[in-house]
Amino acid sequence: MKKNDESEISEKKAIEAQLKVIEKSILELNKKKVKIPDDLRRMKIELTLKLSKFDDAKDAVNLLASGIDSNRQKSKKITSQIEKSSNNTNSKNSKSKIDPDELISIILSSEDYQYFKEVSFKKQRNEAKAGEILSENAGKLTSMHLKEIFKLVDEPYTSKIDKRRWFGSLLNAPNTKYILNEEPEKINAWFNYLFNEKVLFENRIDNLCSSKSELCIAGIKQGFITLVLYLIDSSKFSIWFKNQHDSLKYVYPDEMKNFDDIIKKNIGRNYTKFNSYAKRFIRQYNIKDIELDWVLTKVDKILKADAEASEKRGEHNGN
């Protein structure tokens, strides 16, 4: 075993030990129906954030993939565990107790965020260039253009902690297999329709996602569609993945409680609603459009890491 690996394992074990002590304290306070001190909650979030970084270095679940995972039971379980472990659980109507503002603040002041900012300039440059290719070749796009676009936006970036591709499986086979094998005529018909302002925007999204539409291309759904929109105008559009959606529902639980996630019907209407909350999030937390997918993915990852860590330590046995 290499020294770096030994050091990493040692550091991870130390963090896990600290987290175990804190979670035990939280569990005891919950049993006594005592409100959890803010400092204790903050320490738990910070340690969970640190612990989640170790998973980034492995081939674990890629949270920037297409978001096809629709395991809603797992999402409900995660939310339930966080509610029980993070604050006073007396009230049946209590909201998630890891305060979103506090969580976002910790993420934006974290070491991970600083690493991300180091590559964000290159990411922004690559995305701008990809958008230019789309705009300059409107009506004459080929699979070669698409391959160049995929390469630009999906670069793993040498300074990034996680060396995997940015969007995981989204822009790789089998998801992009069909569009890259399509004739240029259909590729351009697809893009022309997406930007055809004579058709209601929400209808365009619905039709391109519908398997009954002649324009539909297998493997290409809302994740890819909203990525294209984002590349053309990131100030107006946001990328829509399952984990992004879940993170926003966590931040805005009341406003989005009746807002169904990525479903087969009314996809266009749901995207419009999602996008409005995404832009609200950007304004509220004073981040850049280019940072949204990273921040929301980190929120999702921390919540899942928190739930999984709690499970491993048997915290759920005390419920």
C-alpha atoms as a PDB file:
ATOM      1  CA  MET A   1       0.000   0.000   0.000  1.00  0.00           C
ATOM      2  CA  LYS A   2       1.313   3.450  -0.914  1.00  0.00           C
ATOM      3  CA  LYS A   3       1.980   6.047   1.769  1.00  0.00           C
ATOM      4  CA  ASN A   4      -0.610   8.374   0.247  1.00  0.00           C
ATOM      5  CA  ASP A   5      -3.222   5.625   0.458  1.00  0.00           C
ATOM      6  CA  GLU A   6      -2.302   4.879   4.077  1.00  0.00           C
ATOM      7  CA  SER A   7      -2.519   8.566   4.938  1.00  0.00           C
ATOM      8  CA  GLU A   8      -5.910   8.859   3.255  1.00  0.00           C
ATOM      9  CA  ILE A   9      -7.274   5.824   5.080  1.00  0.00           C
ATOM     10  CA  SER A  10      -5.977   7.165   8.382  1.00  0.00           C
ATOM     11  CA  GLU A  11      -7.544  10.567   7.761  1.00  0.00           C
ATOM     12  CA  LYS A  12     -10.865   9.010   6.789  1.00  0.00           C
ATOM     13  CA  LYS A  13     -10.918   6.846   9.920  1.00  0.00           C
ATOM     14  CA  ALA A  14     -10.212   9.880  12.085  1.00  0.00           C
ATOM     15  CA  ILE A  15     -13.096  11.797  10.499  1.00  0.00           C
ATOM     16  CA  GLU A  16     -15.411   8.811  10.892  1.00  0.00           C
ATOM     17  CA  ALA A  17     -14.466   8.535  14.563  1.00  0.00           C
ATOM     18  CA  GLN A  18     -15.221  12.219  15.156  1.00  0.00           C
ATOM     19  CA  LEU A  19     -18.491  11.918  13.283  1.00  0.00           C
ATOM     20  CA  LYS A  20     -19.478   8.872  15.314  1.00  0.00           C
ATOM     21  CA  VAL A  21     -18.978  10.775  18.579  1.00  0.00           C
ATOM     22  CA  ILE A  22     -21.044  13.715  17.333  1.00  0.00           C
ATOM     23  CA  GLU A  23     -23.824  11.500  16.022  1.00  0.00           C
ATOM     24  CA  LYS A  24     -23.954   9.675  19.339  1.00  0.00           C
ATOM     25  CA  SER A  25     -24.327  13.002  21.136  1.00  0.00           C
ATOM     26  CA  ILE A  26     -27.083  14.057  18.738  1.00  0.00           C
ATOM     27  CA  LEU A  27     -28.887  10.767  19.239  1.00  0.00           C
ATOM     28  CA  GLU A  28     -28.751  11.133  23.028  1.00  0.00           C
ATOM     29  CA  LEU A  29     -30.080  14.698  22.840  1.00  0.00           C
ATOM     30  CA  ASN A  30     -32.866  13.583  20.530  1.00  0.00           C
ATOM     31  CA  LYS A  31     -33.869  10.859  22.986  1.00  0.00           C
ATOM     32  CA  LYS A  32     -34.019  13.498  25.720  1.00  0.00           C
ATOM     33  CA  LYS A  33     -35.998  15.756  23.346  1.00  0.00           C
ATOM     34  CA  VAL A  34     -33.396  18.485  23.738  1.00  0.00           C
ATOM     35  CA  LYS A  35     -32.703  20.921  20.928  1.00  0.00           C
ATOM     36  CA  ILE A  36     -29.427  20.215  19.135  1.00  0.00           C
ATOM     37  CA  PRO A  37     -26.866  23.052  19.615  1.00  0.00           C
ATOM     38  CA  ASP A  38     -26.015  24.922  16.417  1.00  0.00           C
ATOM     39  CA  ASP A  39     -22.280  24.279  16.873  1.00  0.00           C
ATOM     40  CA  LEU A  40     -22.870  20.534  17.058  1.00  0.00           C
ATOM     41  CA  ARG A  41     -25.016  20.555  13.927  1.00  0.00           C
ATOM     42  CA  ARG A  42     -22.429  22.611  12.074  1.00  0.00           C
ATOM     43  CA  MET A  43     -19.641  20.249  13.085  1.00  0.00           C
ATOM     44  CA  LYS A  44     -21.630  17.308  11.765  1.00  0.00           C
ATOM     45  CA  ILE A  45     -22.193  19.014   8.407  1.00  0.00           C
ATOM     46  CA  GLU A  46     -18.529  19.953   8.096  1.00  0.00           C
ATOM     47  CA  LEU A  47     -17.361  16.426   8.886  1.00  0.00           C
ATOM     48  CA  THR A  48     -19.883  14.927   6.492  1.00  0.00           C
ATOM     49  CA  LEU A  49     -18.604  17.265   3.799  1.00  0.00           C
ATOM     50  CA  LYS A  50     -15.039  16.148   4.457  1.00  0.00           C
ATOM     51  CA  LEU A  51     -16.066  12.513   4.444  1.00  0.00           C
ATOM     52  CA  SER A  52     -17.904  12.858   1.134  1.00  0.00           C
ATOM     53  CA  LYS A  53     -14.636  13.985  -0.488  1.00  0.00           C
ATOM     54  CA  PHE A  54     -13.187  10.497  -0.115  1.00  0.00           C
ATOM     55  CA  ASP A  55     -16.001   9.051  -2.192  1.00  0.00           C
ATOM     56  CA  ASP A  56     -15.147  11.507  -4.984  1.00  0.00           C
ATOM     57  CA  ALA A  57     -11.791   9.797  -5.426  1.00  0.00           C
ATOM     58  CA  LYS A  58     -13.420   6.451  -6.114  1.00  0.00           C
ATOM     59  CA  ASP A  59     -15.634   5.134  -8.867  1.00  0.00           C
ATOM     60  CA  ALA A  60     -18.707   5.586  -6.735  1.00  0.00           C
ATOM     61  CA  VAL A  61     -22.084   6.886  -7.773  1.00  0.00           C
ATOM     62  CA  ASN A  62     -21.660   9.690 -10.302  1.00  0.00           C
ATOM     63  CA  LEU A  63     -23.976  12.429  -9.210  1.00  0.00           C
ATOM     64  CA  LEU A  64     -23.555  14.452 -12.369  1.00  0.00           C
ATOM     65  CA  ALA A  65     -24.821  11.715 -14.623  1.00  0.00           C
ATOM     66  CA  SER A  66     -28.127  11.944 -16.440  1.00  0.00           C
ATOM     67  CA  GLY A  67     -30.161  11.708 -13.284  1.00  0.00           C
ATOM     68  CA  ILE A  68     -32.139   8.711 -14.544  1.00  0.00           C
ATOM     69  CA  ASP A  69     -32.115   7.194 -11.041  1.00  0.00           C
ATOM     70  CA  SER A  70     -35.639   7.687  -9.760  1.00  0.00           C
ATOM     71  CA  ASN A  71     -35.342   5.786  -6.495  1.00  0.00           C
ATOM     72  CA  ARG A  72     -37.784   7.945  -4.588  1.00  0.00           C
ATOM     73  CA  GLN A  73     -37.915   5.619  -1.594  1.00  0.00           C
ATOM     74  CA  LYS A  74     -34.202   6.217  -0.997  1.00  0.00           C
ATOM     75  CA  SER A  75     -34.725   9.985  -1.240  1.00  0.00           C
ATOM     76  CA  LYS A  76     -37.532   9.814   1.324  1.00  0.00           C
ATOM     77  CA  LYS A  77     -35.387   7.708   3.635  1.00  0.00           C
ATOM     78  CA  ILE A  78     -32.508  10.192   3.382  1.00  0.00           C
ATOM     79  CA  THR A  79     -34.772  13.120   4.204  1.00  0.00           C
ATOM     80  CA  SER A  80     -36.283  11.245   7.142  1.00  0.00           C
ATOM     81  CA  GLN A  81     -32.902  10.349   8.635  1.00  0.00           C
ATOM     82  CA  ILE A  82     -31.599  13.899   8.374  1.00  0.00           C
ATOM     83  CA  GLU A  83     -34.714  15.253  10.039  1.00  0.00           C
ATOM     84  CA  LYS A  84     -34.337  12.828  12.937  1.00  0.00           C
ATOM     85  CA  SER A  85     -30.606  13.249  13.469  1.00  0.00           C
ATOM     86  CA  SER A  86     -30.117  16.968  13.157  1.00  0.00           C
ATOM     87  CA  ASN A  87     -32.475  18.765  15.556  1.00  0.00           C
ATOM     88  CA  ASN A  88     -35.535  18.614  17.803  1.00  0.00           C
ATOM     89  CA  THR A  89     -37.826  15.929  16.443  1.00  0.00           C
ATOM     90  CA  ASN A  90     -40.858  16.595  18.644  1.00  0.00           C
ATOM     91  CA  SER A  91     -43.000  18.319  16.061  1.00  0.00           C
ATOM     92  CA  LYS A  92     -44.636  16.180  13.405  1.00  0.00           C
ATOM     93  CA  ASN A  93     -44.661  19.201  11.151  1.00  0.00           C
ATOM     94  CA  SER A  94     -40.961  19.996  11.584  1.00  0.00           C
ATOM     95  CA  LYS A  95     -38.940  20.635   8.442  1.00  0.00           C
ATOM     96  CA  SER A  96     -35.567  19.169   7.551  1.00  0.00           C
ATOM     97  CA  LYS A  97     -33.277  20.254  10.378  1.00  0.00           C
ATOM     98  CA  ILE A  98     -29.983  20.674   8.585  1.00  0.00           C
ATOM     99  CA  ASP A  99     -30.501  24.314   7.801  1.00  0.00           C
ATOM    100  CA  PRO A 100     -30.095  24.896   4.027  1.00  0.00           C
ATOM    101  CA  ASP A 101     -28.520  28.331   4.510  1.00  0.00           C
ATOM    102  CA  GLU A 102     -25.967  26.885   6.885  1.00  0.00           C
ATOM    103  CA  LEU A 103     -25.223  23.952   4.605  1.00  0.00           C
ATOM    104  CA  ILE A 104     -24.729  26.169   1.540  1.00  0.00           C
ATOM    105  CA  SER A 105     -22.515  28.519   3.563  1.00  0.00           C
ATOM    106  CA  ILE A 106     -20.281  25.628   4.609  1.00  0.00           C
ATOM    107  CA  ILE A 107     -20.065  24.328   1.041  1.00  0.00           C
ATOM    108  CA  LEU A 108     -19.105  27.738  -0.343  1.00  0.00           C
ATOM    109  CA  SER A 109     -16.371  28.151   2.264  1.00  0.00           C
ATOM    110  CA  SER A 110     -15.044  24.623   1.836  1.00  0.00           C
ATOM    111  CA  GLU A 111     -11.763  23.426   0.384  1.00  0.00           C
ATOM    112  CA  ASP A 112     -13.711  21.540  -2.277  1.00  0.00           C
ATOM    113  CA  TYR A 113     -15.267  24.774  -3.490  1.00  0.00           C
ATOM    114  CA  GLN A 114     -11.869  26.405  -3.807  1.00  0.00           C
ATOM    115  CA  TYR A 115     -10.690  23.475  -5.939  1.00  0.00           C
ATOM    116  CA  PHE A 116     -13.763  23.856  -8.072  1.00  0.00           C
ATOM    117  CA  LYS A 117     -13.134  27.572  -8.585  1.00  0.00           C
ATOM    118  CA  GLU A 118      -9.659  26.720  -9.854  1.00  0.00           C
ATOM    119  CA  VAL A 119     -11.162  24.854 -12.798  1.00  0.00           C
ATOM    120  CA  SER A 120     -14.316  26.945 -13.226  1.00  0.00           C
ATOM    121  CA  PHE A 121     -12.571  29.448 -15.497  1.00  0.00           C
ATOM    122  CA  LYS A 122     -11.579  26.676 -17.888  1.00  0.00           C
ATOM    123  CA  LYS A 123     -15.028  25.153 -17.574  1.00  0.00           C
ATOM    124  CA  GLN A 124     -16.602  28.493 -18.448  1.00  0.00           C
ATOM    125  CA  ARG A 125     -14.297  28.902 -21.436  1.00  0.00           C
ATOM    126  CA  ASN A 126     -15.074  25.420 -22.688  1.00  0.00           C
ATOM    127  CA  GLU A 127     -18.811  25.918 -22.301  1.00  0.00           C
ATOM    128  CA  ALA A 128     -18.659  29.224 -24.164  1.00  0.00           C
ATOM    129  CA  LYS A 129     -16.761  27.594 -27.007  1.00  0.00           C
ATOM    130  CA  ALA A 130     -19.294  24.744 -27.132  1.00  0.00           C
ATOM    131  CA  GLY A 131     -22.102  27.299 -27.322  1.00  0.00           C
ATOM    132  CA  GLU A 132     -20.334  29.040 -30.187  1.00  0.00           C
ATOM    133  CA  ILE A 133     -20.080  25.781 -32.129  1.00  0.00           C
ATOM    134  CA  LEU A 134     -23.815  25.254 -31.723  1.00  0.00           C
ATOM    135  CA  SER A 135     -24.662  28.813 -32.781  1.00  0.00           C
ATOM    136  CA  GLU A 136     -22.227  29.123 -35.665  1.00  0.00           C
ATOM    137  CA  ASN A 137     -23.217  25.769 -37.155  1.00  0.00           C
ATOM    138  CA  ALA A 138     -26.974  26.062 -36.725  1.00  0.00           C
ATOM    139  CA  GLY A 139     -28.627  24.125 -39.539  1.00  0.00           C
ATOM    140  CA  LYS A 140     -25.409  22.384 -40.537  1.00  0.00           C
ATOM    141  CA  LEU A 141     -24.401  20.478 -37.417  1.00  0.00           C
ATOM    142  CA  THR A 142     -22.711  17.112 -37.841  1.00  0.00           C
ATOM    143  CA  SER A 143     -21.760  14.333 -35.455  1.00  0.00           C
ATOM    144  CA  MET A 144     -18.209  15.706 -35.515  1.00  0.00           C
ATOM    145  CA  HIS A 145     -19.464  19.013 -34.146  1.00  0.00           C
ATOM    146  CA  LEU A 146     -21.324  17.168 -31.402  1.00  0.00           C
ATOM    147  CA  LYS A 147     -18.257  15.118 -30.475  1.00  0.00           C
ATOM    148  CA  GLU A 148     -16.240  18.320 -30.132  1.00  0.00           C
ATOM    149  CA  ILE A 149     -18.967  19.854 -27.960  1.00  0.00           C
ATOM    150  CA  PHE A 150     -19.120  16.759 -25.742  1.00  0.00           C
ATOM    151  CA  LYS A 151     -15.361  16.790 -25.361  1.00  0.00           C
ATOM    152  CA  LEU A 152     -15.357  20.454 -24.340  1.00  0.00           C
ATOM    153  CA  VAL A 153     -18.081  20.323 -21.714  1.00  0.00           C
ATOM    154  CA  ASP A 154     -17.262  16.868 -20.357  1.00  0.00           C
ATOM    155  CA  GLU A 155     -13.554  17.400 -19.752  1.00  0.00           C
ATOM    156  CA  PRO A 156     -12.401  15.872 -16.463  1.00  0.00           C
ATOM    157  CA  TYR A 157     -10.076  18.867 -15.774  1.00  0.00           C
ATOM    158  CA  THR A 158      -6.613  18.180 -14.395  1.00  0.00           C
ATOM    159  CA  SER A 159      -7.033  20.359 -11.295  1.00  0.00           C
ATOM    160  CA  LYS A 160     -10.285  18.703 -10.229  1.00  0.00           C
ATOM    161  CA  ILE A 161     -10.150  16.333  -7.260  1.00  0.00           C
ATOM    162  CA  ASP A 162     -12.474  13.882  -8.984  1.00  0.00           C
ATOM    163  CA  LYS A 163     -10.806  12.888 -12.267  1.00  0.00           C
ATOM    164  CA  ARG A 164     -13.931  11.431 -13.822  1.00  0.00           C
ATOM    165  CA  ARG A 165     -15.791  13.116 -16.653  1.00  0.00           C
ATOM    166  CA  TRP A 166     -17.865  16.092 -15.585  1.00  0.00           C
ATOM    167  CA  PHE A 167     -21.212  14.658 -16.664  1.00  0.00           C
ATOM    168  CA  GLY A 168     -20.428  11.019 -16.108  1.00  0.00           C
ATOM    169  CA  SER A 169     -22.473   8.788 -18.395  1.00  0.00           C
ATOM    170  CA  LEU A 170     -24.664  11.553 -19.818  1.00  0.00           C
ATOM    171  CA  LEU A 171     -22.433  12.312 -22.798  1.00  0.00           C
ATOM    172  CA  ASN A 172     -21.090   8.805 -23.287  1.00  0.00           C
ATOM    173  CA  ALA A 173     -22.487   5.609 -24.751  1.00  0.00           C
ATOM    174  CA  PRO A 174     -25.185   4.480 -24.709  1.00  0.00           C
ATOM    175  CA  ASN A 175     -26.809   7.876 -24.117  1.00  0.00           C
ATOM    176  CA  THR A 176     -25.127   9.608 -27.061  1.00  0.00           C
ATOM    177  CA  LYS A 177     -24.759   6.551 -29.276  1.00  0.00           C
ATOM    178  CA  TYR A 178     -27.909   7.184 -31.252  1.00  0.00           C
ATOM    179  CA  ILE A 179     -27.570  10.915 -31.848  1.00  0.00           C
ATOM    180  CA  LEU A 180     -23.982  10.500 -33.049  1.00  0.00           C
ATOM    181  CA  ASN A 181     -25.136   7.834 -35.495  1.00  0.00           C
ATOM    182  CA  GLU A 182     -28.037   9.914 -36.809  1.00  0.00           C
ATOM    183  CA  GLU A 183     -28.031  11.507 -40.231  1.00  0.00           C
ATOM    184  CA  PRO A 184     -27.151  15.231 -40.213  1.00  0.00           C
ATOM    185  CA  GLU A 185     -30.670  16.038 -41.453  1.00  0.00           C
ATOM    186  CA  LYS A 186     -32.314  14.617 -38.323  1.00  0.00           C
ATOM    187  CA  ILE A 187     -29.689  16.097 -36.022  1.00  0.00           C
ATOM    188  CA  ASN A 188     -30.359  19.550 -37.424  1.00  0.00           C
ATOM    189  CA  ALA A 189     -34.122  19.062 -37.428  1.00  0.00           C
ATOM    190  CA  TRP A 190     -33.860  18.220 -33.723  1.00  0.00           C
ATOM    191  CA  PHE A 191     -31.817  21.337 -32.895  1.00  0.00           C
ATOM    192  CA  ASN A 192     -33.889  23.589 -35.159  1.00  0.00           C
ATOM    193  CA  TYR A 193     -37.058  22.476 -33.422  1.00  0.00           C
ATOM    194  CA  LEU A 194     -35.577  23.028 -29.961  1.00  0.00           C
ATOM    195  CA  PHE A 195     -34.924  26.674 -30.846  1.00  0.00           C
ATOM    196  CA  ASN A 196     -38.065  27.239 -32.927  1.00  0.00           C
ATOM    197  CA  GLU A 197     -39.714  30.124 -31.102  1.00  0.00           C
ATOM    198  CA  LYS A 198     -42.897  29.699 -33.134  1.00  0.00           C
ATOM    199  CA  VAL A 199     -43.637  26.653 -30.981  1.00  0.00           C
ATOM    200  CA  LEU A 200     -44.449  27.103 -27.302  1.00  0.00           C
ATOM    201  CA  PHE A 201     -41.264  26.455 -25.323  1.00  0.00           C
ATOM    202  CA  GLU A 202     -42.786  23.862 -23.021  1.00  0.00           C
ATOM    203  CA  ASN A 203     -44.266  21.985 -25.992  1.00  0.00           C
ATOM    204  CA  ARG A 204     -40.838  21.792 -27.594  1.00  0.00           C
ATOM    205  CA  ILE A 205     -39.406  20.074 -24.519  1.00  0.00           C
ATOM    206  CA  ASP A 206     -42.347  17.674 -24.319  1.00  0.00           C
ATOM    207  CA  ASN A 207     -42.151  16.708 -27.975  1.00  0.00           C
ATOM    208  CA  LEU A 208     -38.411  16.104 -27.988  1.00  0.00           C
ATOM    209  CA  CYS A 209     -38.782  13.859 -24.934  1.00  0.00           C
ATOM    210  CA  SER A 210     -41.732  11.937 -26.341  1.00  0.00           C
ATOM    211  CA  SER A 211     -40.971   8.581 -27.944  1.00  0.00           C
ATOM    212  CA  LYS A 212     -44.013   9.165 -30.162  1.00  0.00           C
ATOM    213  CA  SER A 213     -42.452  12.236 -31.774  1.00  0.00           C
ATOM    214  CA  GLU A 214     -40.642  11.875 -35.087  1.00  0.00           C
ATOM    215  CA  LEU A 215     -37.983  14.208 -33.725  1.00  0.00           C
ATOM    216  CA  CYS A 216     -37.268  12.105 -30.659  1.00  0.00           C
ATOM    217  CA  ILE A 217     -33.809  10.520 -30.591  1.00  0.00           C
ATOM    218  CA  ALA A 218     -33.268   7.504 -28.339  1.00  0.00           C
ATOM    219  CA  GLY A 219     -31.182   8.218 -25.252  1.00  0.00           C
ATOM    220  CA  ILE A 220     -31.714  11.970 -25.497  1.00  0.00           C
ATOM    221  CA  LYS A 221     -33.990  13.321 -22.783  1.00  0.00           C
ATOM    222  CA  GLN A 222     -34.332  16.354 -20.507  1.00  0.00           C
ATOM    223  CA  GLY A 223     -30.770  16.207 -19.162  1.00  0.00           C
ATOM    224  CA  PHE A 224     -29.247  16.572 -22.620  1.00  0.00           C
ATOM    225  CA  ILE A 225     -31.906  19.025 -23.815  1.00  0.00           C
ATOM    226  CA  THR A 226     -31.397  21.399 -20.890  1.00  0.00           C
ATOM    227  CA  LEU A 227     -27.622  21.122 -21.229  1.00  0.00           C
ATOM    228  CA  VAL A 228     -27.926  22.360 -24.823  1.00  0.00           C
ATOM    229  CA  LEU A 229     -30.162  25.246 -23.717  1.00  0.00           C
ATOM    230  CA  TYR A 230     -27.683  26.113 -20.968  1.00  0.00           C
ATOM    231  CA  LEU A 231     -24.768  26.163 -23.421  1.00  0.00           C
ATOM    232  CA  ILE A 232     -26.624  28.632 -25.628  1.00  0.00           C
ATOM    233  CA  ASP A 233     -27.634  30.936 -22.767  1.00  0.00           C
ATOM    234  CA  SER A 234     -26.581  30.020 -19.215  1.00  0.00           C
ATOM    235  CA  SER A 235     -28.097  33.227 -17.834  1.00  0.00           C
ATOM    236  CA  LYS A 236     -31.530  32.089 -18.973  1.00  0.00           C
ATOM    237  CA  PHE A 237     -31.424  28.289 -18.638  1.00  0.00           C
ATOM    238  CA  SER A 238     -30.231  25.746 -16.075  1.00  0.00           C
ATOM    239  CA  ILE A 239     -29.213  22.112 -16.441  1.00  0.00           C
ATOM    240  CA  TRP A 240     -31.895  19.784 -15.070  1.00  0.00           C
ATOM    241  CA  PHE A 241     -30.841  16.516 -13.453  1.00  0.00           C
ATOM    242  CA  LYS A 242     -32.528  14.435 -10.782  1.00  0.00           C
ATOM    243  CA  ASN A 243     -29.998  15.333  -8.090  1.00  0.00           C
ATOM    244  CA  GLN A 244     -30.273  19.059  -8.904  1.00  0.00           C
ATOM    245  CA  HIS A 245     -34.023  18.814  -8.561  1.00  0.00           C
ATOM    246  CA  ASP A 246     -33.845  16.976  -5.235  1.00  0.00           C
ATOM    247  CA  SER A 247     -31.411  19.530  -3.834  1.00  0.00           C
ATOM    248  CA  LEU A 248     -33.720  22.424  -4.705  1.00  0.00           C
ATOM    249  CA  LYS A 249     -36.644  20.621  -3.081  1.00  0.00           C
ATOM    250  CA  TYR A 250     -34.494  20.379   0.037  1.00  0.00           C
ATOM    251  CA  VAL A 251     -33.703  24.108  -0.036  1.00  0.00           C
ATOM    252  CA  TYR A 252     -37.298  25.127  -0.867  1.00  0.00           C
ATOM    253  CA  PRO A 253     -39.383  22.398   0.835  1.00  0.00           C
ATOM    254  CA  ASP A 254     -42.592  24.415   1.152  1.00  0.00           C
ATOM    255  CA  GLU A 255     -42.614  25.935  -2.319  1.00  0.00           C
ATOM    256  CA  MET A 256     -41.704  22.672  -4.048  1.00  0.00           C
ATOM    257  CA  LYS A 257     -43.507  20.158  -1.831  1.00  0.00           C
ATOM    258  CA  ASN A 258     -46.206  19.508  -4.442  1.00  0.00           C
ATOM    259  CA  PHE A 259     -43.824  19.827  -7.357  1.00  0.00           C
ATOM    260  CA  ASP A 260     -43.341  16.398  -8.893  1.00  0.00           C
ATOM    261  CA  ASP A 261     -39.875  15.636 -10.205  1.00  0.00           C
ATOM    262  CA  ILE A 262     -38.761  14.453 -13.631  1.00  0.00           C
ATOM    263  CA  ILE A 263     -41.825  12.678 -14.956  1.00  0.00           C
ATOM    264  CA  LYS A 264     -43.094  11.433 -18.301  1.00  0.00           C
ATOM    265  CA  LYS A 265     -45.812  14.062 -18.651  1.00  0.00           C
ATOM    266  CA  ASN A 266     -45.567  17.852 -18.582  1.00  0.00           C
ATOM    267  CA  ILE A 267     -41.772  17.755 -18.670  1.00  0.00           C
ATOM    268  CA  GLY A 268     -41.638  21.177 -20.302  1.00  0.00           C
ATOM    269  CA  ARG A 269     -43.842  22.769 -17.664  1.00  0.00           C
ATOM    270  CA  ASN A 270     -41.897  21.130 -14.859  1.00  0.00           C
ATOM    271  CA  TYR A 271     -38.612  22.324 -16.328  1.00  0.00           C
ATOM    272  CA  THR A 272     -39.906  25.901 -16.448  1.00  0.00           C
ATOM    273  CA  LYS A 273     -40.772  25.651 -12.752  1.00  0.00           C
ATOM    274  CA  PHE A 274     -37.466  24.019 -11.874  1.00  0.00           C
ATOM    275  CA  ASN A 275     -35.544  26.670 -13.801  1.00  0.00           C
ATOM    276  CA  SER A 276     -37.297  29.494 -11.946  1.00  0.00           C
ATOM    277  CA  TYR A 277     -36.252  28.001  -8.594  1.00  0.00           C
ATOM    278  CA  ALA A 278     -32.730  27.379  -9.890  1.00  0.00           C
ATOM    279  CA  LYS A 279     -32.330  31.030 -10.849  1.00  0.00           C
ATOM    280  CA  ARG A 280     -33.778  32.059  -7.510  1.00  0.00           C
ATOM    281  CA  PHE A 281     -31.153  29.885  -5.787  1.00  0.00           C
ATOM    282  CA  ILE A 282     -28.368  31.565  -7.794  1.00  0.00           C
ATOM    283  CA  ARG A 283     -29.563  35.021  -6.733  1.00  0.00           C
ATOM    284  CA  GLN A 284     -30.186  34.047  -3.122  1.00  0.00           C
ATOM    285  CA  TYR A 285     -26.743  32.536  -2.545  1.00  0.00           C
ATOM    286  CA  ASN A 286     -24.874  34.915  -4.832  1.00  0.00           C
ATOM    287  CA  ILE A 287     -23.231  32.255  -6.977  1.00  0.00           C
ATOM    288  CA  LYS A 288     -22.577  32.171 -10.710  1.00  0.00           C
ATOM    289  CA  ASP A 289     -24.681  30.284 -13.231  1.00  0.00           C
ATOM    290  CA  ILE A 290     -21.675  28.093 -13.982  1.00  0.00           C
ATOM    291  CA  GLU A 291     -21.480  27.062 -10.310  1.00  0.00           C
ATOM    292  CA  LEU A 292     -25.072  25.912  -9.887  1.00  0.00           C
ATOM    293  CA  ASP A 293     -24.698  22.298 -10.982  1.00  0.00           C
ATOM    294  CA  TRP A 294     -21.624  21.839  -8.788  1.00  0.00           C
ATOM    295  CA  VAL A 295     -23.207  23.357  -5.661  1.00  0.00           C
ATOM    296  CA  LEU A 296     -26.510  21.477  -5.987  1.00  0.00           C
ATOM    297  CA  THR A 297     -24.670  18.238  -6.661  1.00  0.00           C
ATOM    298  CA  LYS A 298     -22.580  18.774  -3.540  1.00  0.00           C
ATOM    299  CA  VAL A 299     -25.743  19.383  -1.492  1.00  0.00           C
ATOM    300  CA  ASP A 300     -27.200  16.129  -2.792  1.00  0.00           C
ATOM    301  CA  LYS A 301     -23.972  14.248  -2.131  1.00  0.00           C
ATOM    302  CA  ILE A 302     -23.684  15.514   1.436  1.00  0.00           C
ATOM    303  CA  LEU A 303     -27.275  14.587   2.262  1.00  0.00           C
ATOM    304  CA  LYS A 304     -26.763  11.099   0.898  1.00  0.00           C
ATOM    305  CA  ALA A 305     -23.404  10.722   2.634  1.00  0.00           C
ATOM    306  CA  ASP A 306     -24.981  11.851   5.900  1.00  0.00           C
ATOM    307  CA  ALA A 307     -27.758   9.300   5.607  1.00  0.00           C
ATOM    308  CA  GLU A 308     -25.409   6.480   4.622  1.00  0.00           C
ATOM    309  CA  ALA A 309     -22.972   7.315   7.430  1.00  0.00           C
ATOM    310  CA  SER A 310     -25.826   7.326   9.924  1.00  0.00           C
ATOM    311  CA  GLU A 311     -26.981   3.927   8.680  1.00  0.00           C
ATOM    312  CA  LYS A 312     -23.505   2.426   9.028  1.00  0.00           C
ATOM    313  CA  ARG A 313     -23.181   3.658  12.596  1.00  0.00           C
ATOM    314  CA  GLY A 314     -26.556   2.245  13.528  1.00  0.00           C
ATOM    315  CA  GLU A 315     -28.114   5.617  14.263  1.00  0.00           C
ATOM    316  CA  HIS A 316     -31.340   4.420  12.690  1.00  0.00           C
ATOM    317  CA  ASN A 317     -31.625   1.789  15.426  1.00  0.00           C
ATOM    318  CA  GLY A 318     -32.332   4.510  17.930  1.00  0.00           C
ATOM    319  CA  ASN A 319     -35.387   5.814  16.060  1.00  0.00           C
END
